Structure formats: structure tokens, C-alpha cells
């Protein structure tokens, strides 16, 4: 994805998360909306990290092709651990509502589908 593609993805994900949070606020209240914003924020962070990793791996791959692929794999593992930790933090420590949190994360991931079409 080019720089404009990453921006478009993050914008799309942001709009999806804010829209879902607004709907939850009207239907269920502020607590569910906050939980959704947190879950959407996790998805946005993950996408931003992916974009940064792709750019840096592309730069490294020009000089050392195998190293770029290794960077992408390491980035995937890193994002997985961070996302898992943020879910645990949000549900366990912050006591956010799990369903809106995970639901907003999933809805934000739909941004990949909308941007690639």
C-alpha cells in the first residue's frame, strides 16, 4: 500500500469506528461507546504499525531481500502480541464491555475490504 493507501485505510477505519460508537452511544449508552472506541483504537494502531513496517521492510529489501521478509514476519508477531495485550488491558484492567470492544475492532478491520476495492 502506498502512503495515500495507508491514509485512506486509517480514515476509513476511523469513520467506521466513530459511526459504530455513535450508534452504540444512542442505543446503549456512553460505556458501550467508549468500549467501541477503545477497540477501534486498537485496530487503528495495528493498521498504522502495519503501514510503518511495510515501508521500512521495502527500504531494507532493496539492499537485503531476505531481511525485508523477516521484518514483515516479526512485525506480524509484534502486532499480534500488542493487540492481544491491549485486549487484555481493556477487558481485564479497564473493565470495558467486551462485545462492543471486539465488535468495533472487527468492524474497523472491514476497512481493509473497503479500501482495496
N, C-alpha and C. Protein backbone atom coordinates (compact mmCIF):
# COMPACT_ATOMS: atom_id res chain seq x y z
N UNK A 1 0.84 -1.18 0.00
CA UNK A 1 0.00 0.00 0.00
C UNK A 1 0.88 1.24 0.00
N UNK A 2 0.53 2.19 -0.79
CA UNK A 2 1.29 3.43 -0.82
C UNK A 2 0.86 4.32 0.34
N UNK A 3 1.59 5.41 0.53
CA UNK A 3 1.29 6.31 1.64
C UNK A 3 -0.16 6.77 1.63
N UNK A 4 -0.68 7.11 0.45
CA UNK A 4 -2.08 7.51 0.33
C UNK A 4 -3.02 6.38 0.69
N UNK A 5 -2.61 5.15 0.40
CA UNK A 5 -3.42 3.98 0.74
C UNK A 5 -3.54 3.78 2.23
N UNK A 6 -2.44 3.99 2.94
CA UNK A 6 -2.47 3.86 4.40
C UNK A 6 -3.35 4.94 5.00
N UNK A 7 -3.22 6.16 4.50
CA UNK A 7 -4.06 7.26 4.99
C UNK A 7 -5.53 6.96 4.72
N UNK A 8 -5.82 6.46 3.54
CA UNK A 8 -7.20 6.13 3.18
C UNK A 8 -7.74 5.01 4.08
N UNK A 9 -6.90 4.01 4.36
CA UNK A 9 -7.31 2.93 5.25
C UNK A 9 -7.59 3.45 6.65
N UNK A 10 -6.69 4.24 7.20
CA UNK A 10 -6.89 4.76 8.56
C UNK A 10 -8.11 5.67 8.63
N UNK A 11 -8.34 6.46 7.59
CA UNK A 11 -9.52 7.33 7.55
C UNK A 11 -10.79 6.50 7.51
N UNK A 12 -10.79 5.47 6.67
CA UNK A 12 -11.97 4.60 6.56
C UNK A 12 -12.24 3.90 7.88
N UNK A 13 -11.19 3.36 8.49
CA UNK A 13 -11.36 2.68 9.78
C UNK A 13 -11.86 3.65 10.85
N UNK A 14 -11.34 4.84 10.85
CA UNK A 14 -11.76 5.84 11.82
C UNK A 14 -13.25 6.18 11.66
N UNK A 15 -13.68 6.36 10.42
CA UNK A 15 -15.09 6.65 10.17
C UNK A 15 -15.99 5.49 10.60
N UNK A 16 -15.56 4.27 10.32
CA UNK A 16 -16.34 3.10 10.73
C UNK A 16 -16.47 3.02 12.25
N UNK A 17 -15.36 3.25 12.94
CA UNK A 17 -15.36 3.16 14.41
C UNK A 17 -16.19 4.28 15.03
N UNK A 18 -16.03 5.49 14.54
CA UNK A 18 -16.79 6.62 15.09
C UNK A 18 -18.28 6.42 14.82
N UNK A 19 -18.62 5.94 13.63
CA UNK A 19 -20.02 5.68 13.31
C UNK A 19 -20.62 4.62 14.21
N UNK A 20 -19.90 3.52 14.40
CA UNK A 20 -20.39 2.46 15.29
C UNK A 20 -20.50 2.96 16.72
N UNK A 21 -19.53 3.72 17.17
CA UNK A 21 -19.57 4.26 18.53
C UNK A 21 -20.76 5.20 18.73
N UNK A 22 -21.04 6.01 17.73
CA UNK A 22 -22.20 6.92 17.82
C UNK A 22 -23.50 6.12 17.90
N UNK A 23 -23.60 5.07 17.10
CA UNK A 23 -24.80 4.22 17.16
C UNK A 23 -24.92 3.56 18.53
N UNK A 24 -23.82 3.05 19.04
CA UNK A 24 -23.86 2.43 20.37
C UNK A 24 -24.19 3.43 21.46
N UNK A 25 -23.69 4.65 21.33
CA UNK A 25 -23.99 5.68 22.32
C UNK A 25 -25.49 5.96 22.36
N UNK A 26 -26.10 6.08 21.18
CA UNK A 26 -27.54 6.35 21.13
C UNK A 26 -28.36 5.14 21.59
N UNK A 27 -27.91 3.94 21.27
CA UNK A 27 -28.69 2.75 21.58
C UNK A 27 -28.45 2.22 22.99
N UNK A 28 -27.20 2.25 23.45
CA UNK A 28 -26.87 1.58 24.71
C UNK A 28 -26.25 2.47 25.77
N UNK A 29 -25.66 3.57 25.37
CA UNK A 29 -25.07 4.46 26.37
C UNK A 29 -23.58 4.69 26.14
N UNK A 30 -23.05 5.56 26.97
CA UNK A 30 -21.67 6.01 26.80
C UNK A 30 -20.65 4.92 27.08
N UNK A 31 -20.93 4.02 28.01
CA UNK A 31 -19.97 2.97 28.36
C UNK A 31 -19.68 2.07 27.16
N UNK A 32 -20.72 1.65 26.45
CA UNK A 32 -20.52 0.81 25.27
C UNK A 32 -19.82 1.58 24.15
N UNK A 33 -20.14 2.86 24.03
CA UNK A 33 -19.48 3.69 23.01
C UNK A 33 -17.99 3.83 23.32
N UNK A 34 -17.65 4.03 24.58
CA UNK A 34 -16.24 4.13 24.96
C UNK A 34 -15.51 2.81 24.70
N UNK A 35 -16.17 1.71 25.00
CA UNK A 35 -15.58 0.40 24.76
C UNK A 35 -15.32 0.20 23.27
N UNK A 36 -16.25 0.64 22.45
CA UNK A 36 -16.08 0.53 21.00
C UNK A 36 -14.95 1.41 20.50
N UNK A 37 -14.84 2.61 21.04
CA UNK A 37 -13.74 3.50 20.64
C UNK A 37 -12.39 2.88 21.00
N UNK A 38 -12.32 2.24 22.14
CA UNK A 38 -11.07 1.59 22.55
C UNK A 38 -10.73 0.45 21.59
N UNK A 39 -11.71 -0.39 21.28
CA UNK A 39 -11.48 -1.49 20.34
C UNK A 39 -11.10 -1.01 18.96
N UNK A 40 -11.75 0.04 18.50
CA UNK A 40 -11.40 0.62 17.21
C UNK A 40 -10.02 1.24 17.23
N UNK A 41 -9.65 1.83 18.36
CA UNK A 41 -8.31 2.39 18.50
C UNK A 41 -7.24 1.32 18.39
N UNK A 42 -7.52 0.13 18.91
CA UNK A 42 -6.58 -0.98 18.78
C UNK A 42 -6.39 -1.33 17.31
N UNK A 43 -7.49 -1.39 16.56
CA UNK A 43 -7.40 -1.70 15.13
C UNK A 43 -6.63 -0.62 14.37
N UNK A 44 -6.88 0.63 14.71
CA UNK A 44 -6.16 1.73 14.06
C UNK A 44 -4.66 1.66 14.35
N UNK A 45 -4.31 1.38 15.58
CA UNK A 45 -2.90 1.25 15.95
C UNK A 45 -2.25 0.11 15.18
N UNK A 46 -2.94 -1.01 15.09
CA UNK A 46 -2.41 -2.16 14.36
C UNK A 46 -2.20 -1.84 12.89
N UNK A 47 -3.14 -1.16 12.28
CA UNK A 47 -3.01 -0.79 10.86
C UNK A 47 -1.88 0.19 10.64
N UNK A 48 -1.74 1.14 11.56
CA UNK A 48 -0.66 2.12 11.46
C UNK A 48 0.70 1.42 11.57
N UNK A 49 0.79 0.47 12.51
CA UNK A 49 2.03 -0.28 12.67
C UNK A 49 2.34 -1.11 11.43
N UNK A 50 1.31 -1.69 10.82
CA UNK A 50 1.49 -2.45 9.59
C UNK A 50 2.05 -1.56 8.49
N UNK A 51 1.49 -0.39 8.33
CA UNK A 51 1.95 0.53 7.30
C UNK A 51 3.40 0.93 7.50
N UNK A 52 3.77 1.22 8.73
CA UNK A 52 5.16 1.59 9.01
C UNK A 52 6.10 0.44 8.72
N UNK A 53 5.68 -0.76 9.10
CA UNK A 53 6.54 -1.94 8.90
C UNK A 53 6.72 -2.23 7.41
N UNK A 54 5.66 -2.08 6.63
CA UNK A 54 5.76 -2.33 5.19
C UNK A 54 6.74 -1.36 4.55
N UNK A 55 6.67 -0.09 4.93
CA UNK A 55 7.59 0.90 4.36
C UNK A 55 9.04 0.60 4.73
N UNK A 56 9.27 0.29 5.99
CA UNK A 56 10.65 0.02 6.40
C UNK A 56 11.16 -1.28 5.79
N UNK A 57 10.29 -2.30 5.67
CA UNK A 57 10.71 -3.56 5.05
C UNK A 57 11.02 -3.36 3.57
N UNK A 58 10.28 -2.51 2.91
CA UNK A 58 10.54 -2.23 1.49
C UNK A 58 11.89 -1.55 1.32
N UNK A 59 12.22 -0.64 2.21
CA UNK A 59 13.52 0.03 2.14
C UNK A 59 14.66 -0.96 2.37
N UNK A 60 14.50 -1.83 3.36
CA UNK A 60 15.53 -2.80 3.68
C UNK A 60 15.65 -3.85 2.57
N UNK A 61 14.52 -4.22 1.97
CA UNK A 61 14.51 -5.26 0.94
C UNK A 61 15.31 -4.86 -0.30
N UNK A 62 15.44 -3.58 -0.53
CA UNK A 62 16.23 -3.13 -1.67
C UNK A 62 17.69 -3.53 -1.51
N UNK A 63 18.17 -3.49 -0.27
CA UNK A 63 19.57 -3.84 -0.01
C UNK A 63 19.74 -5.32 0.30
N UNK A 64 18.82 -5.87 1.12
CA UNK A 64 18.91 -7.27 1.55
C UNK A 64 17.53 -7.89 1.48
N UNK A 65 17.18 -8.55 0.37
CA UNK A 65 15.81 -9.06 0.15
C UNK A 65 15.27 -9.97 1.25
N UNK A 66 16.05 -10.89 1.76
CA UNK A 66 15.56 -11.80 2.80
C UNK A 66 15.24 -11.09 4.10
N UNK A 67 15.95 -10.04 4.37
CA UNK A 67 15.75 -9.29 5.62
C UNK A 67 14.39 -8.59 5.63
N UNK A 68 13.92 -8.12 4.46
CA UNK A 68 12.62 -7.46 4.38
C UNK A 68 11.49 -8.39 4.75
N UNK A 69 11.56 -9.63 4.28
CA UNK A 69 10.52 -10.62 4.60
C UNK A 69 10.55 -10.94 6.09
N UNK A 70 11.75 -11.09 6.64
CA UNK A 70 11.87 -11.36 8.07
C UNK A 70 11.27 -10.23 8.89
N UNK A 71 11.48 -9.00 8.44
CA UNK A 71 10.91 -7.85 9.15
C UNK A 71 9.38 -7.90 9.14
N UNK A 72 8.80 -8.32 8.02
CA UNK A 72 7.34 -8.41 7.93
C UNK A 72 6.80 -9.48 8.88
N UNK A 73 7.47 -10.62 8.95
CA UNK A 73 7.05 -11.67 9.88
C UNK A 73 7.16 -11.21 11.32
N UNK A 74 8.28 -10.58 11.65
CA UNK A 74 8.45 -10.07 13.01
C UNK A 74 7.38 -9.03 13.34
N UNK A 75 7.06 -8.19 12.36
CA UNK A 75 6.02 -7.18 12.57
C UNK A 75 4.65 -7.79 12.83
N UNK A 76 4.35 -8.89 12.13
CA UNK A 76 3.07 -9.57 12.35
C UNK A 76 2.99 -10.14 13.77
N UNK A 77 4.08 -10.74 14.21
CA UNK A 77 4.10 -11.28 15.58
C UNK A 77 3.99 -10.15 16.59
N UNK A 78 4.71 -9.08 16.35
CA UNK A 78 4.68 -7.92 17.25
C UNK A 78 3.26 -7.34 17.34
N UNK A 79 2.60 -7.17 16.21
CA UNK A 79 1.24 -6.63 16.22
C UNK A 79 0.28 -7.57 16.95
N UNK A 80 0.43 -8.86 16.74
CA UNK A 80 -0.43 -9.84 17.41
C UNK A 80 -0.30 -9.73 18.92
N UNK A 81 0.93 -9.66 19.41
CA UNK A 81 1.17 -9.58 20.85
C UNK A 81 0.63 -8.26 21.41
N UNK A 82 0.85 -7.17 20.71
CA UNK A 82 0.36 -5.87 21.18
C UNK A 82 -1.16 -5.83 21.20
N UNK A 83 -1.80 -6.33 20.14
CA UNK A 83 -3.27 -6.36 20.09
C UNK A 83 -3.82 -7.22 21.21
N UNK A 84 -3.23 -8.39 21.41
CA UNK A 84 -3.68 -9.27 22.48
C UNK A 84 -3.52 -8.60 23.85
N UNK A 85 -2.39 -7.94 24.06
CA UNK A 85 -2.16 -7.24 25.32
C UNK A 85 -3.14 -6.10 25.54
N UNK A 86 -3.45 -5.36 24.48
CA UNK A 86 -4.40 -4.25 24.62
C UNK A 86 -5.82 -4.76 24.86
N UNK A 87 -6.18 -5.91 24.26
CA UNK A 87 -7.48 -6.51 24.57
C UNK A 87 -7.53 -6.91 26.05
N UNK A 88 -6.48 -7.53 26.53
CA UNK A 88 -6.43 -7.95 27.93
C UNK A 88 -6.51 -6.73 28.86
N UNK A 89 -5.80 -5.68 28.51
CA UNK A 89 -5.84 -4.45 29.30
C UNK A 89 -7.24 -3.86 29.33
N UNK A 90 -7.87 -3.77 28.17
CA UNK A 90 -9.20 -3.16 28.08
C UNK A 90 -10.28 -3.95 28.79
N UNK A 91 -10.25 -5.26 28.60
CA UNK A 91 -11.30 -6.10 29.20
C UNK A 91 -10.99 -6.42 30.66
N UNK A 92 -9.73 -6.73 30.94
CA UNK A 92 -9.36 -7.14 32.29
C UNK A 92 -9.18 -5.99 33.27
N UNK A 93 -8.30 -5.07 32.94
CA UNK A 93 -7.96 -4.00 33.88
C UNK A 93 -8.95 -2.83 33.83
N UNK A 94 -9.28 -2.40 32.62
CA UNK A 94 -10.19 -1.25 32.48
C UNK A 94 -11.66 -1.62 32.60
N UNK A 95 -11.95 -2.92 32.54
CA UNK A 95 -13.33 -3.44 32.69
C UNK A 95 -14.28 -2.87 31.64
N UNK A 96 -13.79 -2.74 30.40
CA UNK A 96 -14.64 -2.28 29.31
C UNK A 96 -15.55 -3.42 28.85
N UNK A 97 -16.63 -3.06 28.19
CA UNK A 97 -17.58 -4.06 27.70
C UNK A 97 -16.93 -4.85 26.56
N UNK A 98 -16.84 -6.17 26.69
CA UNK A 98 -16.13 -6.97 25.69
C UNK A 98 -16.77 -6.97 24.30
N UNK A 99 -18.07 -7.09 24.22
CA UNK A 99 -18.72 -7.21 22.92
C UNK A 99 -18.54 -5.96 22.06
N UNK A 100 -18.80 -4.75 22.56
CA UNK A 100 -18.55 -3.56 21.73
C UNK A 100 -17.07 -3.38 21.39
N UNK A 101 -16.19 -3.73 22.33
CA UNK A 101 -14.76 -3.58 22.12
C UNK A 101 -14.30 -4.48 20.95
N UNK A 102 -14.64 -5.75 21.03
CA UNK A 102 -14.24 -6.69 19.97
C UNK A 102 -15.01 -6.42 18.69
N UNK A 103 -16.27 -6.05 18.82
CA UNK A 103 -17.08 -5.74 17.63
C UNK A 103 -16.53 -4.57 16.85
N UNK A 104 -16.12 -3.52 17.54
CA UNK A 104 -15.56 -2.34 16.85
C UNK A 104 -14.23 -2.68 16.21
N UNK A 105 -13.44 -3.53 16.87
CA UNK A 105 -12.18 -3.97 16.28
C UNK A 105 -12.47 -4.70 14.96
N UNK A 106 -13.45 -5.59 14.98
CA UNK A 106 -13.80 -6.35 13.78
C UNK A 106 -14.35 -5.43 12.68
N UNK A 107 -15.19 -4.49 13.04
CA UNK A 107 -15.76 -3.56 12.06
C UNK A 107 -14.65 -2.71 11.44
N UNK A 108 -13.70 -2.29 12.25
CA UNK A 108 -12.59 -1.49 11.73
C UNK A 108 -11.76 -2.31 10.72
N UNK A 109 -11.65 -3.60 10.94
CA UNK A 109 -10.91 -4.44 10.01
C UNK A 109 -11.60 -4.51 8.64
N UNK A 110 -12.90 -4.25 8.61
CA UNK A 110 -13.60 -4.19 7.32
C UNK A 110 -13.09 -3.06 6.44
N UNK A 111 -12.42 -2.10 7.06
CA UNK A 111 -11.81 -1.02 6.28
C UNK A 111 -10.86 -1.53 5.24
N UNK A 112 -10.18 -2.65 5.50
CA UNK A 112 -9.28 -3.24 4.51
C UNK A 112 -10.05 -3.63 3.25
N UNK A 113 -11.25 -4.15 3.45
CA UNK A 113 -12.07 -4.57 2.29
C UNK A 113 -12.52 -3.35 1.50
N UNK A 114 -12.96 -2.31 2.19
CA UNK A 114 -13.45 -1.12 1.50
C UNK A 114 -12.34 -0.39 0.75
N UNK A 115 -11.15 -0.37 1.31
CA UNK A 115 -10.05 0.37 0.69
C UNK A 115 -9.49 -0.38 -0.50
N UNK A 116 -9.46 -1.69 -0.46
CA UNK A 116 -8.86 -2.46 -1.56
C UNK A 116 -9.77 -2.59 -2.76
N UNK A 117 -11.02 -2.25 -2.65
CA UNK A 117 -11.94 -2.36 -3.79
C UNK A 117 -11.85 -1.17 -4.69
